[in-house]
Amino acid sequence: MAAVGPRTGPGAGAEALALAVELQGEATCSICLELFREPVSVECGHSFCRACIARCWERPGAGATAASHKLPCPLPCPQCREPARPGQLRPNRQLAAVATLLRRFSLPAGAQGERGPPEAVAAGCAQHREPLKLYCQDDGRAICVVCDRAREHRAHAVLPLDEAVQEAKELLESRLKVLKKDLEDYEAFRSTEEKESKELLKQMAAEREKVGAEFQALRAFLVEQEGRLLGRLEELSREVTQKQNENLAQLGGEIAQLSKLSSQIQETTCKPDLDFLQEFKNTLSRGSSGRTGERGKSGADPGPRHGQPPPHPLSGS
């Protein structure tokens, strides 16, 4: 019996690649089109990711309601529509191991649990190997003509792929027009706000200059008034000083005259009686004439002043 081992030859690489692609297709979930994650098998034998089949059975368009997974009644298989009971899901450990190995080898389609590039997705259906020419609006993914005939998509809204692309572009273009219109409105509003702000700032600057000019004029007026008042006070101060000096000089003359008269009276009182009596009338007349002469020099009697001494008792006034 010949030993079984890896084949070598010109077509060995192509066969290995084809085998890997086929193996990847067997390990790909028909719902999410990615390598299995926690695969489970239903009673009909098909396998799906646990999360994918749970979402499929919970979706109303798949022939089940949101609460149907809680009921004992059977639900349709997402692939063949055969009845299946949610409580009879069995983990498929072999498929899980194969999917893990394929992720380790990083094959082009579905490696690392991610979708391949757009070219790989558009190449064909991973389940039926047919070109993806249709678009299922309910599932939001591209499908082939075979998928469209399956029970899974019979009740779904399916459009040709180019038509779906055109509708999507038209929808985006209409939305873009609305956004552009909103953008224009906001730009116009911003422009208006900027103009109003600039105008308001311009008015505030003009008011600031006006207030500054008014206060500058007021300060100049106050300085002028201050100079005038200080000059008037200085003039009044000089007049008061001059008048005070004149009054002091007049008072000094009167004091000297009174001092002289007082000395004469004292000398007269010290004389003998006969001489005193002879000098009494002369002294009395000199006192009266001295006071009258002083008043005549100073003009009319201005009346008593503050601090002015009282008239001499011998003056007769």
C-alpha atoms as a PDB file:
ATOM      1  CA  MET A   1       0.000   0.000   0.000  1.00  0.00           C
ATOM      2  CA  ALA A   2       1.510   3.291  -1.026  1.00  0.00           C
ATOM      3  CA  ALA A   3       2.196   5.822   1.647  1.00  0.00           C
ATOM      4  CA  VAL A   4      -0.052   8.814   1.686  1.00  0.00           C
ATOM      5  CA  GLY A   5       1.809  12.129   1.715  1.00  0.00           C
ATOM      6  CA  PRO A   6       1.863  15.552   0.124  1.00  0.00           C
ATOM      7  CA  ARG A   7       1.752  15.537  -3.650  1.00  0.00           C
ATOM      8  CA  THR A   8       4.472  17.140  -5.681  1.00  0.00           C
ATOM      9  CA  GLY A   9       4.354  18.219  -9.265  1.00  0.00           C
ATOM     10  CA  PRO A  10       3.440  21.084 -11.566  1.00  0.00           C
ATOM     11  CA  GLY A  11      -0.241  21.226 -10.493  1.00  0.00           C
ATOM     12  CA  ALA A  12       0.310  20.585  -6.821  1.00  0.00           C
ATOM     13  CA  GLY A  13       0.230  24.309  -5.890  1.00  0.00           C
ATOM     14  CA  ALA A  14      -2.970  25.020  -7.816  1.00  0.00           C
ATOM     15  CA  GLU A  15      -4.690  21.948  -6.365  1.00  0.00           C
ATOM     16  CA  ALA A  16      -3.633  22.955  -2.861  1.00  0.00           C
ATOM     17  CA  LEU A  17      -4.977  26.454  -3.353  1.00  0.00           C
ATOM     18  CA  ALA A  18      -8.251  25.122  -4.753  1.00  0.00           C
ATOM     19  CA  LEU A  19      -8.530  22.737  -1.820  1.00  0.00           C
ATOM     20  CA  ALA A  20      -7.895  25.573   0.633  1.00  0.00           C
ATOM     21  CA  VAL A  21     -10.536  27.739  -1.027  1.00  0.00           C
ATOM     22  CA  GLU A  22     -13.044  24.867  -0.950  1.00  0.00           C
ATOM     23  CA  LEU A  23     -12.201  24.171   2.671  1.00  0.00           C
ATOM     24  CA  GLN A  24     -12.700  27.809   3.467  1.00  0.00           C
ATOM     25  CA  GLY A  25     -16.099  27.766   1.802  1.00  0.00           C
ATOM     26  CA  GLU A  26     -17.127  24.819   3.971  1.00  0.00           C
ATOM     27  CA  ALA A  27     -15.949  26.677   7.087  1.00  0.00           C
ATOM     28  CA  THR A  28     -17.783  29.921   6.191  1.00  0.00           C
ATOM     29  CA  CYS A  29     -21.111  30.883   7.748  1.00  0.00           C
ATOM     30  CA  SER A  30     -23.786  31.429   5.081  1.00  0.00           C
ATOM     31  CA  ILE A  31     -25.294  34.295   7.086  1.00  0.00           C
ATOM     32  CA  CYS A  32     -22.330  36.547   7.884  1.00  0.00           C
ATOM     33  CA  LEU A  33     -20.056  35.136   5.101  1.00  0.00           C
ATOM     34  CA  GLU A  34     -17.174  34.893   7.557  1.00  0.00           C
ATOM     35  CA  LEU A  35     -15.345  31.967   9.117  1.00  0.00           C
ATOM     36  CA  PHE A  36     -17.383  30.244  11.797  1.00  0.00           C
ATOM     37  CA  ARG A  37     -17.337  31.562  15.334  1.00  0.00           C
ATOM     38  CA  GLU A  38     -18.862  29.192  17.871  1.00  0.00           C
ATOM     39  CA  PRO A  39     -20.581  27.159  15.113  1.00  0.00           C
ATOM     40  CA  VAL A  40     -23.762  25.269  15.985  1.00  0.00           C
ATOM     41  CA  SER A  41     -25.675  22.743  13.884  1.00  0.00           C
ATOM     42  CA  VAL A  42     -29.445  22.571  13.493  1.00  0.00           C
ATOM     43  CA  GLU A  43     -31.455  19.394  13.055  1.00  0.00           C
ATOM     44  CA  CYS A  44     -31.260  19.516   9.234  1.00  0.00           C
ATOM     45  CA  GLY A  45     -27.446  19.440   9.376  1.00  0.00           C
ATOM     46  CA  HIS A  46     -26.611  23.008   8.403  1.00  0.00           C
ATOM     47  CA  SER A  47     -24.250  24.968  10.618  1.00  0.00           C
ATOM     48  CA  PHE A  48     -24.169  28.649  11.495  1.00  0.00           C
ATOM     49  CA  CYS A  49     -22.484  30.948  13.954  1.00  0.00           C
ATOM     50  CA  ARG A  50     -24.386  30.913  17.216  1.00  0.00           C
ATOM     51  CA  ALA A  51     -24.823  34.708  17.190  1.00  0.00           C
ATOM     52  CA  CYS A  52     -25.854  34.735  13.516  1.00  0.00           C
ATOM     53  CA  ILE A  53     -28.659  32.200  13.829  1.00  0.00           C
ATOM     54  CA  ALA A  54     -29.864  33.859  17.007  1.00  0.00           C
ATOM     55  CA  ARG A  55     -30.153  37.195  15.184  1.00  0.00           C
ATOM     56  CA  CYS A  56     -31.749  35.498  12.194  1.00  0.00           C
ATOM     57  CA  TRP A  57     -34.471  33.868  14.256  1.00  0.00           C
ATOM     58  CA  GLU A  58     -35.099  37.064  16.175  1.00  0.00           C
ATOM     59  CA  ARG A  59     -35.558  39.097  12.954  1.00  0.00           C
ATOM     60  CA  PRO A  60     -39.246  39.298  11.870  1.00  0.00           C
ATOM     61  CA  GLY A  61     -38.390  38.988   8.177  1.00  0.00           C
ATOM     62  CA  ALA A  62     -36.880  35.529   8.678  1.00  0.00           C
ATOM     63  CA  GLY A  63     -40.202  33.923   9.585  1.00  0.00           C
ATOM     64  CA  ALA A  64     -39.936  34.403  13.356  1.00  0.00           C
ATOM     65  CA  THR A  65     -40.878  37.075  15.842  1.00  0.00           C
ATOM     66  CA  ALA A  66     -38.777  38.632  18.554  1.00  0.00           C
ATOM     67  CA  ALA A  67     -40.240  36.276  21.133  1.00  0.00           C
ATOM     68  CA  SER A  68     -40.476  33.134  18.972  1.00  0.00           C
ATOM     69  CA  HIS A  69     -37.148  31.712  20.169  1.00  0.00           C
ATOM     70  CA  LYS A  70     -38.683  31.377  23.609  1.00  0.00           C
ATOM     71  CA  LEU A  71     -41.496  29.117  22.289  1.00  0.00           C
ATOM     72  CA  PRO A  72     -41.178  25.345  21.783  1.00  0.00           C
ATOM     73  CA  CYS A  73     -42.517  25.556  18.220  1.00  0.00           C
ATOM     74  CA  PRO A  74     -39.946  24.841  15.436  1.00  0.00           C
ATOM     75  CA  LEU A  75     -38.365  27.653  13.438  1.00  0.00           C
ATOM     76  CA  PRO A  76     -37.176  27.540   9.789  1.00  0.00           C
ATOM     77  CA  CYS A  77     -33.544  26.853   8.997  1.00  0.00           C
ATOM     78  CA  PRO A  78     -32.046  30.058   7.471  1.00  0.00           C
ATOM     79  CA  GLN A  79     -30.569  28.018   4.589  1.00  0.00           C
ATOM     80  CA  CYS A  80     -33.056  25.294   3.629  1.00  0.00           C
ATOM     81  CA  ARG A  81     -36.152  26.517   5.519  1.00  0.00           C
ATOM     82  CA  GLU A  82     -36.601  23.081   7.159  1.00  0.00           C
ATOM     83  CA  PRO A  83     -38.159  23.246  10.638  1.00  0.00           C
ATOM     84  CA  ALA A  84     -35.651  23.320  13.464  1.00  0.00           C
ATOM     85  CA  ARG A  85     -36.018  23.580  17.210  1.00  0.00           C
ATOM     86  CA  PRO A  86     -33.862  26.205  18.926  1.00  0.00           C
ATOM     87  CA  GLY A  87     -33.423  23.978  21.941  1.00  0.00           C
ATOM     88  CA  GLN A  88     -31.769  21.264  19.761  1.00  0.00           C
ATOM     89  CA  LEU A  89     -28.751  23.350  18.638  1.00  0.00           C
ATOM     90  CA  ARG A  90     -25.530  21.356  18.971  1.00  0.00           C
ATOM     91  CA  PRO A  91     -22.001  22.831  19.018  1.00  0.00           C
ATOM     92  CA  ASN A  92     -19.935  21.750  15.967  1.00  0.00           C
ATOM     93  CA  ARG A  93     -16.418  21.471  17.386  1.00  0.00           C
ATOM     94  CA  GLN A  94     -14.919  20.146  14.142  1.00  0.00           C
ATOM     95  CA  LEU A  95     -15.976  23.204  12.184  1.00  0.00           C
ATOM     96  CA  ALA A  96     -14.705  25.424  14.982  1.00  0.00           C
ATOM     97  CA  ALA A  97     -11.277  23.736  14.800  1.00  0.00           C
ATOM     98  CA  VAL A  98     -11.135  24.045  10.982  1.00  0.00           C
ATOM     99  CA  ALA A  99     -12.077  27.747  11.184  1.00  0.00           C
ATOM    100  CA  THR A 100      -9.356  28.311  13.771  1.00  0.00           C
ATOM    101  CA  LEU A 101      -6.760  26.608  11.523  1.00  0.00           C
ATOM    102  CA  LEU A 102      -7.840  28.697   8.536  1.00  0.00           C
ATOM    103  CA  ARG A 103      -7.466  31.887  10.578  1.00  0.00           C
ATOM    104  CA  ARG A 104      -3.946  30.826  11.527  1.00  0.00           C
ATOM    105  CA  PHE A 105      -3.029  30.368   7.862  1.00  0.00           C
ATOM    106  CA  SER A 106      -4.463  33.856   7.036  1.00  0.00           C
ATOM    107  CA  LEU A 107      -6.165  32.878   3.780  1.00  0.00           C
ATOM    108  CA  PRO A 108      -7.228  35.781   1.548  1.00  0.00           C
ATOM    109  CA  ALA A 109     -10.995  35.603   2.127  1.00  0.00           C
ATOM    110  CA  GLY A 110     -12.329  35.803   5.681  1.00  0.00           C
ATOM    111  CA  ALA A 111      -8.893  35.558   7.347  1.00  0.00           C
ATOM    112  CA  GLN A 112      -8.520  36.788  10.941  1.00  0.00           C
ATOM    113  CA  GLY A 113     -12.339  36.820  11.179  1.00  0.00           C
ATOM    114  CA  GLU A 114     -12.562  39.874   8.873  1.00  0.00           C
ATOM    115  CA  ARG A 115     -14.073  40.389   5.461  1.00  0.00           C
ATOM    116  CA  GLY A 116     -11.769  40.320   2.517  1.00  0.00           C
ATOM    117  CA  PRO A 117     -11.174  43.274   0.186  1.00  0.00           C
ATOM    118  CA  PRO A 118     -14.056  44.476  -2.041  1.00  0.00           C
ATOM    119  CA  GLU A 119     -12.634  42.603  -4.999  1.00  0.00           C
ATOM    120  CA  ALA A 120     -12.828  39.288  -3.100  1.00  0.00           C
ATOM    121  CA  VAL A 121     -16.395  39.946  -1.949  1.00  0.00           C
ATOM    122  CA  ALA A 122     -17.519  40.897  -5.425  1.00  0.00           C
ATOM    123  CA  ALA A 123     -15.871  37.823  -6.946  1.00  0.00           C
ATOM    124  CA  GLY A 124     -18.740  35.517  -6.109  1.00  0.00           C
ATOM    125  CA  CYS A 125     -21.064  34.010  -3.538  1.00  0.00           C
ATOM    126  CA  ALA A 126     -19.158  32.032  -0.927  1.00  0.00           C
ATOM    127  CA  GLN A 127     -21.998  29.501  -0.724  1.00  0.00           C
ATOM    128  CA  HIS A 128     -23.039  29.022  -4.365  1.00  0.00           C
ATOM    129  CA  ARG A 129     -19.918  30.282  -6.227  1.00  0.00           C
ATOM    130  CA  GLU A 130     -22.130  32.561  -8.332  1.00  0.00           C
ATOM    131  CA  PRO A 131     -21.500  36.245  -9.163  1.00  0.00           C
ATOM    132  CA  LEU A 132     -23.013  38.711  -6.713  1.00  0.00           C
ATOM    133  CA  LYS A 133     -25.417  40.530  -9.032  1.00  0.00           C
ATOM    134  CA  LEU A 134     -28.278  41.245  -6.620  1.00  0.00           C
ATOM    135  CA  TYR A 135     -28.652  43.242  -3.389  1.00  0.00           C
ATOM    136  CA  CYS A 136     -30.948  42.233  -0.515  1.00  0.00           C
ATOM    137  CA  GLN A 137     -32.284  45.385   1.131  1.00  0.00           C
ATOM    138  CA  ASP A 138     -33.558  43.513   4.194  1.00  0.00           C
ATOM    139  CA  ASP A 139     -30.205  41.890   4.966  1.00  0.00           C
ATOM    140  CA  GLY A 140     -28.156  44.776   3.590  1.00  0.00           C
ATOM    141  CA  ARG A 141     -25.749  42.586   1.584  1.00  0.00           C
ATOM    142  CA  ALA A 142     -25.075  41.411  -1.951  1.00  0.00           C
ATOM    143  CA  ILE A 143     -26.404  37.995  -3.015  1.00  0.00           C
ATOM    144  CA  CYS A 144     -26.352  35.824  -6.084  1.00  0.00           C
ATOM    145  CA  VAL A 145     -29.297  34.648  -8.200  1.00  0.00           C
ATOM    146  CA  VAL A 146     -29.332  31.297  -6.396  1.00  0.00           C
ATOM    147  CA  CYS A 147     -29.592  33.047  -3.005  1.00  0.00           C
ATOM    148  CA  ASP A 148     -32.481  35.088  -4.395  1.00  0.00           C
ATOM    149  CA  ARG A 149     -34.414  31.880  -5.206  1.00  0.00           C
ATOM    150  CA  ALA A 150     -33.851  30.439  -1.737  1.00  0.00           C
ATOM    151  CA  ARG A 151     -36.569  30.696   0.869  1.00  0.00           C
ATOM    152  CA  GLU A 152     -34.423  32.928   3.009  1.00  0.00           C
ATOM    153  CA  HIS A 153     -34.762  35.832   0.565  1.00  0.00           C
ATOM    154  CA  ARG A 154     -38.178  35.118  -0.997  1.00  0.00           C
ATOM    155  CA  ALA A 155     -39.967  37.646   1.199  1.00  0.00           C
ATOM    156  CA  HIS A 156     -37.122  40.173   1.040  1.00  0.00           C
ATOM    157  CA  ALA A 157     -36.815  43.227  -1.191  1.00  0.00           C
ATOM    158  CA  VAL A 158     -34.126  42.370  -3.748  1.00  0.00           C
ATOM    159  CA  LEU A 159     -32.779  44.718  -6.414  1.00  0.00           C
ATOM    160  CA  PRO A 160     -30.132  44.419  -9.106  1.00  0.00           C
ATOM    161  CA  LEU A 161     -26.789  45.395  -7.674  1.00  0.00           C
ATOM    162  CA  ASP A 162     -26.241  48.327 -10.067  1.00  0.00           C
ATOM    163  CA  GLU A 163     -29.770  49.611  -9.399  1.00  0.00           C
ATOM    164  CA  ALA A 164     -29.242  49.364  -5.655  1.00  0.00           C
ATOM    165  CA  VAL A 165     -25.972  51.262  -6.052  1.00  0.00           C
ATOM    166  CA  GLN A 166     -27.742  53.913  -8.130  1.00  0.00           C
ATOM    167  CA  GLU A 167     -30.518  54.298  -5.543  1.00  0.00           C
ATOM    168  CA  ALA A 168     -27.969  54.549  -2.768  1.00  0.00           C
ATOM    169  CA  LYS A 169     -26.057  57.203  -4.710  1.00  0.00           C
ATOM    170  CA  GLU A 170     -29.253  59.151  -5.398  1.00  0.00           C
ATOM    171  CA  LEU A 171     -30.181  58.971  -1.729  1.00  0.00           C
ATOM    172  CA  LEU A 172     -26.743  60.183  -0.727  1.00  0.00           C
ATOM    173  CA  GLU A 173     -26.857  62.942  -3.341  1.00  0.00           C
ATOM    174  CA  SER A 174     -30.234  64.159  -2.041  1.00  0.00           C
ATOM    175  CA  ARG A 175     -28.888  64.069   1.482  1.00  0.00           C
ATOM    176  CA  LEU A 176     -25.789  65.893   0.285  1.00  0.00           C
ATOM    177  CA  LYS A 177     -27.975  68.621  -1.264  1.00  0.00           C
ATOM    178  CA  VAL A 178     -29.788  69.076   2.025  1.00  0.00           C
ATOM    179  CA  LEU A 179     -26.480  69.266   3.864  1.00  0.00           C
ATOM    180  CA  LYS A 180     -25.122  71.773   1.368  1.00  0.00           C
ATOM    181  CA  LYS A 181     -28.258  73.889   1.780  1.00  0.00           C
ATOM    182  CA  ASP A 182     -27.897  73.763   5.559  1.00  0.00           C
ATOM    183  CA  LEU A 183     -24.225  74.625   5.196  1.00  0.00           C
ATOM    184  CA  GLU A 184     -25.060  77.626   3.014  1.00  0.00           C
ATOM    185  CA  ASP A 185     -27.665  78.795   5.535  1.00  0.00           C
ATOM    186  CA  TYR A 186     -25.183  78.487   8.386  1.00  0.00           C
ATOM    187  CA  GLU A 187     -22.511  80.278   6.350  1.00  0.00           C
ATOM    188  CA  ALA A 188     -24.939  83.122   5.606  1.00  0.00           C
ATOM    189  CA  PHE A 189     -25.941  83.278   9.271  1.00  0.00           C
ATOM    190  CA  ARG A 190     -22.296  83.354  10.331  1.00  0.00           C
ATOM    191  CA  SER A 191     -21.558  86.112   7.796  1.00  0.00           C
ATOM    192  CA  THR A 192     -24.485  88.151   9.130  1.00  0.00           C
ATOM    193  CA  GLU A 193     -23.326  87.626  12.707  1.00  0.00           C
ATOM    194  CA  GLU A 194     -19.796  88.701  11.801  1.00  0.00           C
ATOM    195  CA  LYS A 195     -21.072  91.858  10.053  1.00  0.00           C
ATOM    196  CA  GLU A 196     -23.302  92.753  12.996  1.00  0.00           C
ATOM    197  CA  SER A 197     -20.468  92.139  15.439  1.00  0.00           C
ATOM    198  CA  LYS A 198     -18.084  94.316  13.430  1.00  0.00           C
ATOM    199  CA  GLU A 199     -20.681  97.100  13.190  1.00  0.00           C
ATOM    200  CA  LEU A 200     -21.356  96.915  16.915  1.00  0.00           C
ATOM    201  CA  LEU A 201     -17.634  97.020  17.700  1.00  0.00           C
ATOM    202  CA  LYS A 202     -17.260 100.004  15.357  1.00  0.00           C
ATOM    203  CA  GLN A 203     -20.068 101.843  17.151  1.00  0.00           C
ATOM    204  CA  MET A 204     -18.528 101.057  20.530  1.00  0.00           C
ATOM    205  CA  ALA A 205     -15.162 102.414  19.350  1.00  0.00           C
ATOM    206  CA  ALA A 206     -16.832 105.630  18.139  1.00  0.00           C
ATOM    207  CA  GLU A 207     -18.652 106.006  21.468  1.00  0.00           C
ATOM    208  CA  ARG A 208     -15.373 105.411  23.307  1.00  0.00           C
ATOM    209  CA  GLU A 209     -13.678 108.184  21.301  1.00  0.00           C
ATOM    210  CA  LYS A 210     -16.646 110.508  21.880  1.00  0.00           C
ATOM    211  CA  VAL A 211     -16.617 109.908  25.631  1.00  0.00           C
ATOM    212  CA  GLY A 212     -12.849 110.426  25.724  1.00  0.00           C
ATOM    213  CA  ALA A 213     -13.131 113.732  23.826  1.00  0.00           C
ATOM    214  CA  GLU A 214     -15.935 114.972  26.088  1.00  0.00           C
ATOM    215  CA  PHE A 215     -14.003 114.163  29.242  1.00  0.00           C
ATOM    216  CA  GLN A 216     -10.889 115.740  27.768  1.00  0.00           C
ATOM    217  CA  ALA A 217     -12.824 118.962  27.134  1.00  0.00           C
ATOM    218  CA  LEU A 218     -14.321 118.768  30.618  1.00  0.00           C
ATOM    219  CA  ARG A 219     -10.866 118.341  32.146  1.00  0.00           C
ATOM    220  CA  ALA A 220      -9.589 121.365  30.162  1.00  0.00           C
ATOM    221  CA  PHE A 221     -12.587 123.425  31.343  1.00  0.00           C
ATOM    222  CA  LEU A 222     -11.999 122.411  34.965  1.00  0.00           C
ATOM    223  CA  VAL A 223      -8.305 123.260  34.704  1.00  0.00           C
ATOM    224  CA  GLU A 224      -9.213 126.689  33.285  1.00  0.00           C
ATOM    225  CA  GLN A 225     -11.768 127.316  36.032  1.00  0.00           C
ATOM    226  CA  GLU A 226      -9.266 126.180  38.621  1.00  0.00           C
ATOM    227  CA  GLY A 227      -6.732 128.688  37.274  1.00  0.00           C
ATOM    228  CA  ARG A 228      -9.258 131.501  37.335  1.00  0.00           C
ATOM    229  CA  LEU A 229     -10.424 130.737  40.867  1.00  0.00           C
ATOM    230  CA  LEU A 230      -6.880 130.395  42.157  1.00  0.00           C
ATOM    231  CA  GLY A 231      -5.948 133.702  40.491  1.00  0.00           C
ATOM    232  CA  ARG A 232      -8.944 135.455  42.050  1.00  0.00           C
ATOM    233  CA  LEU A 233      -8.116 133.986  45.455  1.00  0.00           C
ATOM    234  CA  GLU A 234      -4.517 135.134  45.066  1.00  0.00           C
ATOM    235  CA  GLU A 235      -5.703 138.649  44.183  1.00  0.00           C
ATOM    236  CA  LEU A 236      -8.077 138.677  47.148  1.00  0.00           C
ATOM    237  CA  SER A 237      -5.263 137.450  49.357  1.00  0.00           C
ATOM    238  CA  ARG A 238      -3.048 140.330  48.243  1.00  0.00           C
ATOM    239  CA  GLU A 239      -5.854 142.832  48.819  1.00  0.00           C
ATOM    240  CA  VAL A 240      -6.524 141.453  52.301  1.00  0.00           C
ATOM    241  CA  THR A 241      -2.819 141.555  53.129  1.00  0.00           C
ATOM    242  CA  GLN A 242      -2.486 145.144  51.900  1.00  0.00           C
ATOM    243  CA  LYS A 243      -5.573 146.247  53.852  1.00  0.00           C
ATOM    244  CA  GLN A 244      -4.308 144.470  56.932  1.00  0.00           C
ATOM    245  CA  ASN A 245      -0.926 146.189  56.637  1.00  0.00           C
ATOM    246  CA  GLU A 246      -2.612 149.565  56.266  1.00  0.00           C
ATOM    247  CA  ASN A 247      -4.793 148.930  59.311  1.00  0.00           C
ATOM    248  CA  LEU A 248      -1.793 147.759  61.314  1.00  0.00           C
ATOM    249  CA  ALA A 249       0.160 150.869  60.328  1.00  0.00           C
ATOM    250  CA  GLN A 250      -2.749 153.100  61.314  1.00  0.00           C
ATOM    251  CA  LEU A 251      -3.151 151.260  64.593  1.00  0.00           C
ATOM    252  CA  GLY A 252       0.573 151.636  65.204  1.00  0.00           C
ATOM    253  CA  GLY A 253       0.336 155.420  64.766  1.00  0.00           C
ATOM    254  CA  GLU A 254      -2.615 155.630  67.087  1.00  0.00           C
ATOM    255  CA  ILE A 255      -0.873 153.488  69.671  1.00  0.00           C
ATOM    256  CA  ALA A 256       2.199 155.720  69.505  1.00  0.00           C
ATOM    257  CA  GLN A 257       0.064 158.873  69.865  1.00  0.00           C
ATOM    258  CA  LEU A 258      -1.806 157.370  72.789  1.00  0.00           C
ATOM    259  CA  SER A 259       1.438 156.273  74.404  1.00  0.00           C
ATOM    260  CA  LYS A 260       2.823 159.821  74.083  1.00  0.00           C
ATOM    261  CA  LEU A 261      -0.370 161.347  75.491  1.00  0.00           C
ATOM    262  CA  SER A 262      -0.319 158.860  78.340  1.00  0.00           C
ATOM    263  CA  SER A 263       3.248 159.845  79.187  1.00  0.00           C
ATOM    264  CA  GLN A 264       2.318 163.553  79.189  1.00  0.00           C
ATOM    265  CA  ILE A 265      -0.653 162.866  81.460  1.00  0.00           C
ATOM    266  CA  GLN A 266       1.563 160.942  83.852  1.00  0.00           C
ATOM    267  CA  GLU A 267       4.077 163.796  83.891  1.00  0.00           C
ATOM    268  CA  THR A 268       1.279 166.281  84.548  1.00  0.00           C
ATOM    269  CA  THR A 269      -0.095 164.266  87.461  1.00  0.00           C
ATOM    270  CA  CYS A 270       3.334 164.232  89.055  1.00  0.00           C
ATOM    271  CA  LYS A 271       3.695 168.055  89.114  1.00  0.00           C
ATOM    272  CA  PRO A 272       2.806 170.176  92.101  1.00  0.00           C
ATOM    273  CA  ASP A 273      -0.779 171.178  92.549  1.00  0.00           C
ATOM    274  CA  LEU A 274      -0.506 174.673  91.086  1.00  0.00           C
ATOM    275  CA  ASP A 275       1.483 173.457  88.086  1.00  0.00           C
ATOM    276  CA  PHE A 276      -0.883 170.482  87.735  1.00  0.00           C
ATOM    277  CA  LEU A 277      -3.909 172.727  87.563  1.00  0.00           C
ATOM    278  CA  GLN A 278      -2.195 175.021  85.012  1.00  0.00           C
ATOM    279  CA  GLU A 279      -1.180 172.063  82.841  1.00  0.00           C
ATOM    280  CA  PHE A 280      -4.462 170.113  83.229  1.00  0.00           C
ATOM    281  CA  LYS A 281      -6.434 172.046  80.615  1.00  0.00           C
ATOM    282  CA  ASN A 282      -3.546 172.098  78.146  1.00  0.00           C
ATOM    283  CA  THR A 283      -3.062 168.363  78.495  1.00  0.00           C
ATOM    284  CA  LEU A 284      -6.776 167.787  78.110  1.00  0.00           C
ATOM    285  CA  SER A 285      -6.940 169.892  74.941  1.00  0.00           C
ATOM    286  CA  ARG A 286      -3.919 168.138  73.449  1.00  0.00           C
ATOM    287  CA  GLY A 287      -5.567 164.785  74.006  1.00  0.00           C
ATOM    288  CA  SER A 288      -8.765 165.934  72.291  1.00  0.00           C
ATOM    289  CA  SER A 289      -6.982 167.540  69.326  1.00  0.00           C
ATOM    290  CA  GLY A 290      -4.742 164.476  68.829  1.00  0.00           C
ATOM    291  CA  ARG A 291      -7.685 162.123  68.516  1.00  0.00           C
ATOM    292  CA  THR A 292      -9.550 164.495  66.212  1.00  0.00           C
ATOM    293  CA  GLY A 293      -6.481 164.869  63.965  1.00  0.00           C
ATOM    294  CA  GLU A 294      -6.023 161.146  63.638  1.00  0.00           C
ATOM    295  CA  ARG A 295      -9.679 160.677  62.642  1.00  0.00           C
ATOM    296  CA  GLY A 296      -9.417 163.427  60.090  1.00  0.00           C
ATOM    297  CA  LYS A 297      -6.443 161.790  58.405  1.00  0.00           C
ATOM    298  CA  SER A 298      -8.149 158.442  58.131  1.00  0.00           C
ATOM    299  CA  GLY A 299     -11.399 159.954  56.769  1.00  0.00           C
ATOM    300  CA  ALA A 300     -14.829 159.029  58.075  1.00  0.00           C
ATOM    301  CA  ASP A 301     -14.896 156.839  61.092  1.00  0.00           C
ATOM    302  CA  PRO A 302     -15.434 153.347  59.752  1.00  0.00           C
ATOM    303  CA  GLY A 303     -16.934 152.262  63.007  1.00  0.00           C
ATOM    304  CA  PRO A 304     -15.591 149.840  65.541  1.00  0.00           C
ATOM    305  CA  ARG A 305     -13.454 147.028  64.133  1.00  0.00           C
ATOM    306  CA  HIS A 306     -12.731 143.652  65.593  1.00  0.00           C
ATOM    307  CA  GLY A 307      -9.903 144.063  68.091  1.00  0.00           C
ATOM    308  CA  GLN A 308     -10.031 147.905  68.004  1.00  0.00           C
ATOM    309  CA  PRO A 309      -9.272 149.441  71.427  1.00  0.00           C
ATOM    310  CA  PRO A 310     -11.982 151.566  73.124  1.00  0.00           C
ATOM    311  CA  PRO A 311     -11.744 155.409  73.012  1.00  0.00           C
ATOM    312  CA  HIS A 312      -9.508 157.074  75.576  1.00  0.00           C
ATOM    313  CA  PRO A 313     -11.499 158.330  78.534  1.00  0.00           C
ATOM    314  CA  LEU A 314      -9.925 161.794  78.205  1.00  0.00           C
ATOM    315  CA  SER A 315     -10.604 162.123  74.486  1.00  0.00           C
ATOM    316  CA  GLY A 316     -14.139 163.329  75.014  1.00  0.00           C
ATOM    317  CA  SER A 317     -15.565 160.829  72.569  1.00  0.00           C
END
